[in-house]
N, C-alpha and C. Protein backbone atom coordinates (compact mmCIF):
# COMPACT_ATOMS: atom_id res chain seq x y z
N MET A 1 17.92 6.00 51.71
CA MET A 1 17.43 6.61 50.49
C MET A 1 17.47 5.58 49.37
N LYS A 2 16.36 5.46 48.63
CA LYS A 2 16.27 4.50 47.54
C LYS A 2 16.95 5.04 46.30
N LYS A 3 17.57 4.10 45.56
CA LYS A 3 18.18 4.48 44.29
C LYS A 3 17.07 4.60 43.25
N PRO A 4 17.16 5.60 42.37
CA PRO A 4 16.14 5.73 41.33
C PRO A 4 16.27 4.58 40.33
N LYS A 5 15.12 4.10 39.85
CA LYS A 5 15.13 3.04 38.88
C LYS A 5 15.48 3.61 37.51
N LYS A 6 16.18 2.80 36.74
CA LYS A 6 16.50 3.22 35.38
C LYS A 6 15.25 3.14 34.53
N ALA A 7 15.09 4.13 33.68
CA ALA A 7 13.96 4.12 32.75
C ALA A 7 14.21 3.07 31.67
N ALA A 8 13.16 2.44 31.26
CA ALA A 8 13.28 1.45 30.19
C ALA A 8 13.68 2.14 28.90
N SER A 9 14.52 1.49 28.16
CA SER A 9 14.95 2.05 26.89
C SER A 9 13.81 2.02 25.89
N ARG A 10 13.65 3.09 25.16
CA ARG A 10 12.60 3.15 24.15
C ARG A 10 13.18 2.96 22.76
N THR A 11 14.43 2.61 22.68
CA THR A 11 15.07 2.41 21.40
C THR A 11 14.63 1.08 20.81
N ALA A 12 14.13 1.14 19.62
CA ALA A 12 13.71 -0.10 18.96
C ALA A 12 14.95 -0.87 18.54
N ARG A 13 14.90 -2.17 18.70
CA ARG A 13 16.01 -3.01 18.29
C ARG A 13 15.64 -3.73 17.02
N LYS A 14 16.60 -3.78 16.13
CA LYS A 14 16.36 -4.50 14.89
C LYS A 14 16.48 -5.98 15.14
N SER A 15 15.55 -6.69 14.58
CA SER A 15 15.52 -8.14 14.70
C SER A 15 16.44 -8.75 13.67
N PRO A 16 17.00 -9.94 13.96
CA PRO A 16 17.82 -10.60 12.96
C PRO A 16 16.98 -11.26 11.88
N ARG A 17 15.69 -11.02 11.90
CA ARG A 17 14.80 -11.62 10.91
C ARG A 17 14.64 -10.68 9.73
N SER A 18 14.41 -11.28 8.57
CA SER A 18 14.18 -10.49 7.37
C SER A 18 12.76 -9.97 7.39
N ALA A 19 12.41 -9.18 6.38
CA ALA A 19 11.06 -8.64 6.30
C ALA A 19 10.03 -9.75 6.19
N GLY A 20 10.44 -10.90 5.69
CA GLY A 20 9.53 -12.02 5.55
C GLY A 20 9.32 -12.77 6.83
N GLY A 21 10.06 -12.44 7.88
CA GLY A 21 9.86 -13.07 9.17
C GLY A 21 10.74 -14.27 9.42
N ALA A 22 11.58 -14.67 8.50
CA ALA A 22 12.44 -15.82 8.72
C ALA A 22 13.82 -15.35 9.16
N ALA A 23 14.50 -16.16 9.91
CA ALA A 23 15.83 -15.80 10.37
C ALA A 23 16.75 -15.66 9.18
N ALA A 24 17.63 -14.68 9.23
CA ALA A 24 18.57 -14.46 8.15
C ALA A 24 19.40 -15.71 7.93
N GLY A 25 19.60 -16.07 6.66
CA GLY A 25 20.41 -17.23 6.35
C GLY A 25 19.64 -18.53 6.26
N SER A 26 18.39 -18.55 6.67
CA SER A 26 17.60 -19.77 6.58
C SER A 26 16.91 -19.81 5.22
N ASP A 27 16.20 -20.90 4.94
CA ASP A 27 15.47 -21.03 3.69
C ASP A 27 14.00 -20.72 3.97
N PRO A 28 13.63 -19.44 3.99
CA PRO A 28 12.27 -19.07 4.36
C PRO A 28 11.28 -19.32 3.23
N GLY A 29 10.03 -19.40 3.60
CA GLY A 29 8.96 -19.51 2.63
C GLY A 29 8.67 -18.13 2.06
N PRO A 30 7.45 -17.90 1.66
CA PRO A 30 7.09 -16.60 1.10
C PRO A 30 7.33 -15.48 2.10
N ALA A 31 7.68 -14.31 1.59
CA ALA A 31 7.82 -13.13 2.43
C ALA A 31 6.43 -12.63 2.76
N SER A 32 6.25 -12.04 3.92
CA SER A 32 4.94 -11.52 4.26
C SER A 32 5.07 -10.19 4.98
N PHE A 33 4.02 -9.39 4.85
CA PHE A 33 3.96 -8.09 5.51
C PHE A 33 2.51 -7.86 5.93
N ALA A 34 2.31 -7.62 7.20
CA ALA A 34 0.97 -7.35 7.72
C ALA A 34 0.74 -5.85 7.78
N LEU A 35 -0.29 -5.39 7.08
CA LEU A 35 -0.63 -3.99 7.14
C LEU A 35 -1.24 -3.68 8.50
N PRO A 36 -0.95 -2.50 9.04
CA PRO A 36 -1.51 -2.15 10.36
C PRO A 36 -2.99 -1.80 10.26
N ILE A 37 -3.59 -1.52 11.39
CA ILE A 37 -5.01 -1.16 11.45
C ILE A 37 -5.29 0.07 10.60
N ASP A 38 -4.44 1.08 10.71
CA ASP A 38 -4.59 2.32 9.95
C ASP A 38 -3.42 2.50 9.00
N CYS A 39 -3.70 2.73 7.75
CA CYS A 39 -2.68 3.07 6.75
C CYS A 39 -3.06 4.45 6.23
N MET A 40 -2.49 5.46 6.86
CA MET A 40 -2.85 6.84 6.54
C MET A 40 -1.59 7.60 6.14
N VAL A 41 -1.77 8.80 5.61
CA VAL A 41 -0.67 9.61 5.12
C VAL A 41 0.40 9.82 6.20
N ALA A 42 0.00 9.91 7.45
CA ALA A 42 0.97 10.10 8.54
C ALA A 42 1.92 8.91 8.66
N ASP A 43 1.48 7.74 8.20
CA ASP A 43 2.29 6.52 8.28
C ASP A 43 2.92 6.15 6.95
N ALA A 44 2.78 7.00 5.95
CA ALA A 44 3.21 6.67 4.59
C ALA A 44 4.71 6.40 4.51
N ALA A 45 5.53 7.16 5.20
CA ALA A 45 6.98 6.96 5.12
C ALA A 45 7.37 5.58 5.65
N ALA A 46 6.77 5.18 6.75
CA ALA A 46 7.07 3.86 7.32
C ALA A 46 6.57 2.74 6.41
N LEU A 47 5.39 2.92 5.84
CA LEU A 47 4.85 1.93 4.91
C LEU A 47 5.73 1.81 3.68
N LYS A 48 6.14 2.95 3.14
CA LYS A 48 7.01 2.96 1.96
C LYS A 48 8.32 2.23 2.24
N GLU A 49 8.90 2.49 3.40
CA GLU A 49 10.17 1.84 3.77
C GLU A 49 9.99 0.33 3.90
N SER A 50 8.91 -0.10 4.51
CA SER A 50 8.64 -1.53 4.67
C SER A 50 8.45 -2.22 3.32
N LEU A 51 7.67 -1.60 2.45
CA LEU A 51 7.42 -2.18 1.14
C LEU A 51 8.67 -2.15 0.27
N ALA A 52 9.47 -1.10 0.39
CA ALA A 52 10.71 -1.01 -0.39
C ALA A 52 11.65 -2.16 -0.07
N GLY A 53 11.62 -2.63 1.16
CA GLY A 53 12.46 -3.76 1.55
C GLY A 53 12.01 -5.07 0.94
N LEU A 54 10.79 -5.09 0.41
CA LEU A 54 10.24 -6.32 -0.17
C LEU A 54 10.10 -6.26 -1.69
N VAL A 55 10.24 -5.09 -2.27
CA VAL A 55 9.93 -4.93 -3.69
C VAL A 55 10.78 -5.82 -4.59
N GLY A 56 12.03 -6.05 -4.24
CA GLY A 56 12.90 -6.88 -5.07
C GLY A 56 13.07 -8.30 -4.58
N ASP A 57 12.37 -8.67 -3.51
CA ASP A 57 12.47 -10.02 -2.94
C ASP A 57 11.98 -11.02 -3.99
N SER A 58 12.79 -12.02 -4.27
CA SER A 58 12.43 -12.97 -5.33
C SER A 58 11.30 -13.92 -4.93
N ARG A 59 11.03 -14.02 -3.64
CA ARG A 59 9.93 -14.88 -3.17
C ARG A 59 8.60 -14.19 -3.41
N PRO A 60 7.51 -14.94 -3.50
CA PRO A 60 6.20 -14.29 -3.51
C PRO A 60 6.03 -13.51 -2.21
N VAL A 61 5.42 -12.35 -2.29
CA VAL A 61 5.17 -11.53 -1.10
C VAL A 61 3.68 -11.58 -0.79
N THR A 62 3.36 -11.92 0.44
CA THR A 62 1.98 -11.95 0.91
C THR A 62 1.71 -10.70 1.74
N LEU A 63 0.72 -9.94 1.33
CA LEU A 63 0.29 -8.78 2.09
C LEU A 63 -0.93 -9.19 2.90
N ASP A 64 -0.78 -9.19 4.22
CA ASP A 64 -1.85 -9.59 5.13
C ASP A 64 -2.64 -8.33 5.52
N VAL A 65 -3.89 -8.29 5.12
CA VAL A 65 -4.73 -7.11 5.36
C VAL A 65 -5.81 -7.36 6.40
N ALA A 66 -5.71 -8.47 7.11
CA ALA A 66 -6.76 -8.85 8.07
C ALA A 66 -7.03 -7.79 9.13
N ALA A 67 -6.01 -7.08 9.57
CA ALA A 67 -6.19 -6.08 10.63
C ALA A 67 -6.59 -4.70 10.10
N LEU A 68 -6.43 -4.47 8.82
CA LEU A 68 -6.65 -3.15 8.22
C LEU A 68 -8.10 -2.69 8.38
N GLN A 69 -8.26 -1.48 8.92
CA GLN A 69 -9.60 -0.92 9.10
C GLN A 69 -9.77 0.42 8.38
N ARG A 70 -8.66 1.15 8.21
CA ARG A 70 -8.73 2.45 7.52
C ARG A 70 -7.54 2.59 6.60
N ILE A 71 -7.80 3.11 5.39
CA ILE A 71 -6.72 3.34 4.44
C ILE A 71 -7.06 4.58 3.62
N ASP A 72 -6.07 5.41 3.36
CA ASP A 72 -6.32 6.61 2.56
C ASP A 72 -5.62 6.49 1.21
N THR A 73 -5.79 7.51 0.39
CA THR A 73 -5.25 7.45 -0.97
C THR A 73 -3.73 7.41 -1.00
N ALA A 74 -3.06 8.00 -0.02
CA ALA A 74 -1.60 7.94 0.01
C ALA A 74 -1.13 6.49 0.16
N ALA A 75 -1.75 5.76 1.05
CA ALA A 75 -1.39 4.35 1.24
C ALA A 75 -1.79 3.52 0.03
N MET A 76 -2.93 3.84 -0.57
CA MET A 76 -3.35 3.13 -1.77
C MET A 76 -2.34 3.34 -2.90
N GLN A 77 -1.82 4.55 -3.00
CA GLN A 77 -0.82 4.85 -4.02
C GLN A 77 0.45 4.03 -3.79
N LEU A 78 0.87 3.92 -2.54
CA LEU A 78 2.06 3.13 -2.23
C LEU A 78 1.85 1.65 -2.53
N LEU A 79 0.70 1.11 -2.15
CA LEU A 79 0.41 -0.29 -2.44
C LEU A 79 0.36 -0.55 -3.94
N THR A 80 -0.26 0.37 -4.67
CA THR A 80 -0.35 0.21 -6.12
C THR A 80 1.03 0.25 -6.77
N ALA A 81 1.86 1.18 -6.34
CA ALA A 81 3.23 1.26 -6.89
C ALA A 81 4.00 -0.02 -6.56
N PHE A 82 3.83 -0.54 -5.37
CA PHE A 82 4.51 -1.77 -4.95
C PHE A 82 4.09 -2.95 -5.84
N VAL A 83 2.78 -3.12 -6.01
CA VAL A 83 2.28 -4.22 -6.82
C VAL A 83 2.73 -4.07 -8.27
N ARG A 84 2.65 -2.86 -8.81
CA ARG A 84 3.09 -2.61 -10.19
C ARG A 84 4.56 -2.93 -10.39
N GLU A 85 5.39 -2.49 -9.46
CA GLU A 85 6.83 -2.71 -9.59
C GLU A 85 7.16 -4.19 -9.51
N ARG A 86 6.53 -4.89 -8.60
CA ARG A 86 6.77 -6.34 -8.52
C ARG A 86 6.27 -7.04 -9.78
N ASP A 87 5.15 -6.61 -10.29
CA ASP A 87 4.61 -7.20 -11.51
C ASP A 87 5.56 -6.94 -12.69
N ARG A 88 6.09 -5.74 -12.75
CA ARG A 88 7.05 -5.38 -13.81
C ARG A 88 8.27 -6.28 -13.78
N LYS A 89 8.67 -6.70 -12.58
CA LYS A 89 9.83 -7.58 -12.41
C LYS A 89 9.46 -9.05 -12.51
N GLY A 90 8.19 -9.34 -12.75
CA GLY A 90 7.73 -10.72 -12.84
C GLY A 90 7.62 -11.41 -11.50
N LEU A 91 7.42 -10.64 -10.43
CA LEU A 91 7.34 -11.16 -9.07
C LEU A 91 5.90 -11.08 -8.57
N ARG A 92 5.50 -12.08 -7.81
CA ARG A 92 4.10 -12.18 -7.34
C ARG A 92 3.84 -11.44 -6.04
N VAL A 93 2.62 -10.94 -5.95
CA VAL A 93 2.07 -10.39 -4.71
C VAL A 93 0.78 -11.16 -4.45
N GLU A 94 0.65 -11.66 -3.24
CA GLU A 94 -0.55 -12.39 -2.83
C GLU A 94 -1.21 -11.63 -1.68
N TRP A 95 -2.50 -11.79 -1.56
CA TRP A 95 -3.26 -11.12 -0.51
C TRP A 95 -3.78 -12.15 0.47
N GLN A 96 -3.70 -11.81 1.75
CA GLN A 96 -4.20 -12.69 2.80
C GLN A 96 -5.17 -11.90 3.66
N GLY A 97 -6.27 -12.52 4.02
CA GLY A 97 -7.28 -11.85 4.85
C GLY A 97 -8.18 -11.00 3.98
N SER A 98 -9.13 -10.38 4.62
CA SER A 98 -10.01 -9.47 3.89
C SER A 98 -10.12 -8.18 4.68
N ALA A 99 -10.25 -7.10 3.93
CA ALA A 99 -10.39 -5.78 4.54
C ALA A 99 -11.35 -4.97 3.70
N PRO A 100 -12.59 -4.81 4.18
CA PRO A 100 -13.54 -4.01 3.43
C PRO A 100 -13.02 -2.60 3.10
N ALA A 101 -12.23 -2.02 3.99
CA ALA A 101 -11.68 -0.68 3.73
C ALA A 101 -10.81 -0.69 2.48
N LEU A 102 -9.99 -1.72 2.32
CA LEU A 102 -9.13 -1.83 1.14
C LEU A 102 -9.96 -2.10 -0.11
N SER A 103 -10.88 -3.03 -0.03
CA SER A 103 -11.73 -3.37 -1.18
C SER A 103 -12.54 -2.16 -1.65
N ASN A 104 -13.12 -1.44 -0.70
CA ASN A 104 -13.92 -0.27 -1.04
C ASN A 104 -13.07 0.84 -1.65
N ALA A 105 -11.92 1.10 -1.06
CA ALA A 105 -11.03 2.14 -1.59
C ALA A 105 -10.54 1.76 -2.99
N ALA A 106 -10.18 0.51 -3.20
CA ALA A 106 -9.72 0.06 -4.51
C ALA A 106 -10.83 0.20 -5.54
N ARG A 107 -12.04 -0.15 -5.16
CA ARG A 107 -13.18 -0.04 -6.07
C ARG A 107 -13.44 1.42 -6.42
N LEU A 108 -13.46 2.29 -5.41
CA LEU A 108 -13.74 3.72 -5.65
C LEU A 108 -12.67 4.38 -6.51
N LEU A 109 -11.43 3.95 -6.36
CA LEU A 109 -10.31 4.54 -7.11
C LEU A 109 -10.03 3.80 -8.42
N GLY A 110 -10.76 2.74 -8.68
CA GLY A 110 -10.55 1.96 -9.90
C GLY A 110 -9.24 1.19 -9.89
N LEU A 111 -8.83 0.71 -8.72
CA LEU A 111 -7.54 0.04 -8.59
C LEU A 111 -7.64 -1.46 -8.30
N THR A 112 -8.83 -2.01 -8.33
CA THR A 112 -9.00 -3.42 -7.98
C THR A 112 -8.13 -4.32 -8.85
N SER A 113 -8.16 -4.11 -10.16
CA SER A 113 -7.35 -4.95 -11.04
C SER A 113 -5.87 -4.61 -10.96
N GLU A 114 -5.54 -3.33 -10.78
CA GLU A 114 -4.13 -2.91 -10.64
C GLU A 114 -3.48 -3.58 -9.42
N LEU A 115 -4.25 -3.68 -8.35
CA LEU A 115 -3.74 -4.29 -7.12
C LEU A 115 -3.82 -5.82 -7.16
N LYS A 116 -4.50 -6.33 -8.19
CA LYS A 116 -4.67 -7.79 -8.32
C LYS A 116 -5.36 -8.38 -7.10
N LEU A 117 -6.38 -7.65 -6.63
CA LEU A 117 -7.15 -8.10 -5.47
C LEU A 117 -8.04 -9.27 -5.87
N PRO A 118 -8.22 -10.23 -4.97
CA PRO A 118 -9.12 -11.33 -5.27
C PRO A 118 -10.55 -10.83 -5.44
N ALA A 119 -11.30 -11.53 -6.27
CA ALA A 119 -12.69 -11.12 -6.54
C ALA A 119 -13.57 -11.30 -5.32
C-alpha cells in the first residue's frame, strides 16, 4: 500500500525583502511596487496594505504600471491618497511603464495632475 503524499502548503511565506525589493539591512535604491493586471474594489484591501507599507518610505517610490489592464475608482482613490500623502510629506512618487487604463481613468476622473502622471 502506498503512503499518501503530503499536500503542498498553501501558506504564503514572508520574504526577508522590504517592499522595495531589497534585502533588509542593505542600502537599496528606490522602493518600487508593481501594480497587478487588475486593480479592482475586490483587491482594494491588499492594495491599501501594500501602499501603506510604502507611504512613509524616505526613498522615492516607483509605481510600475506596465502590467495594469483594468482599474476602478476604488483603486484610483487609493493611488490618489497615496500620492497625496507622500507629496504632503515631501516624498516623491515616480511612474514606470504605461497603462492606458490608468491614463484614461485619471483623465475621466480629473486626477492626472493629482497623481502626477507623466504627460
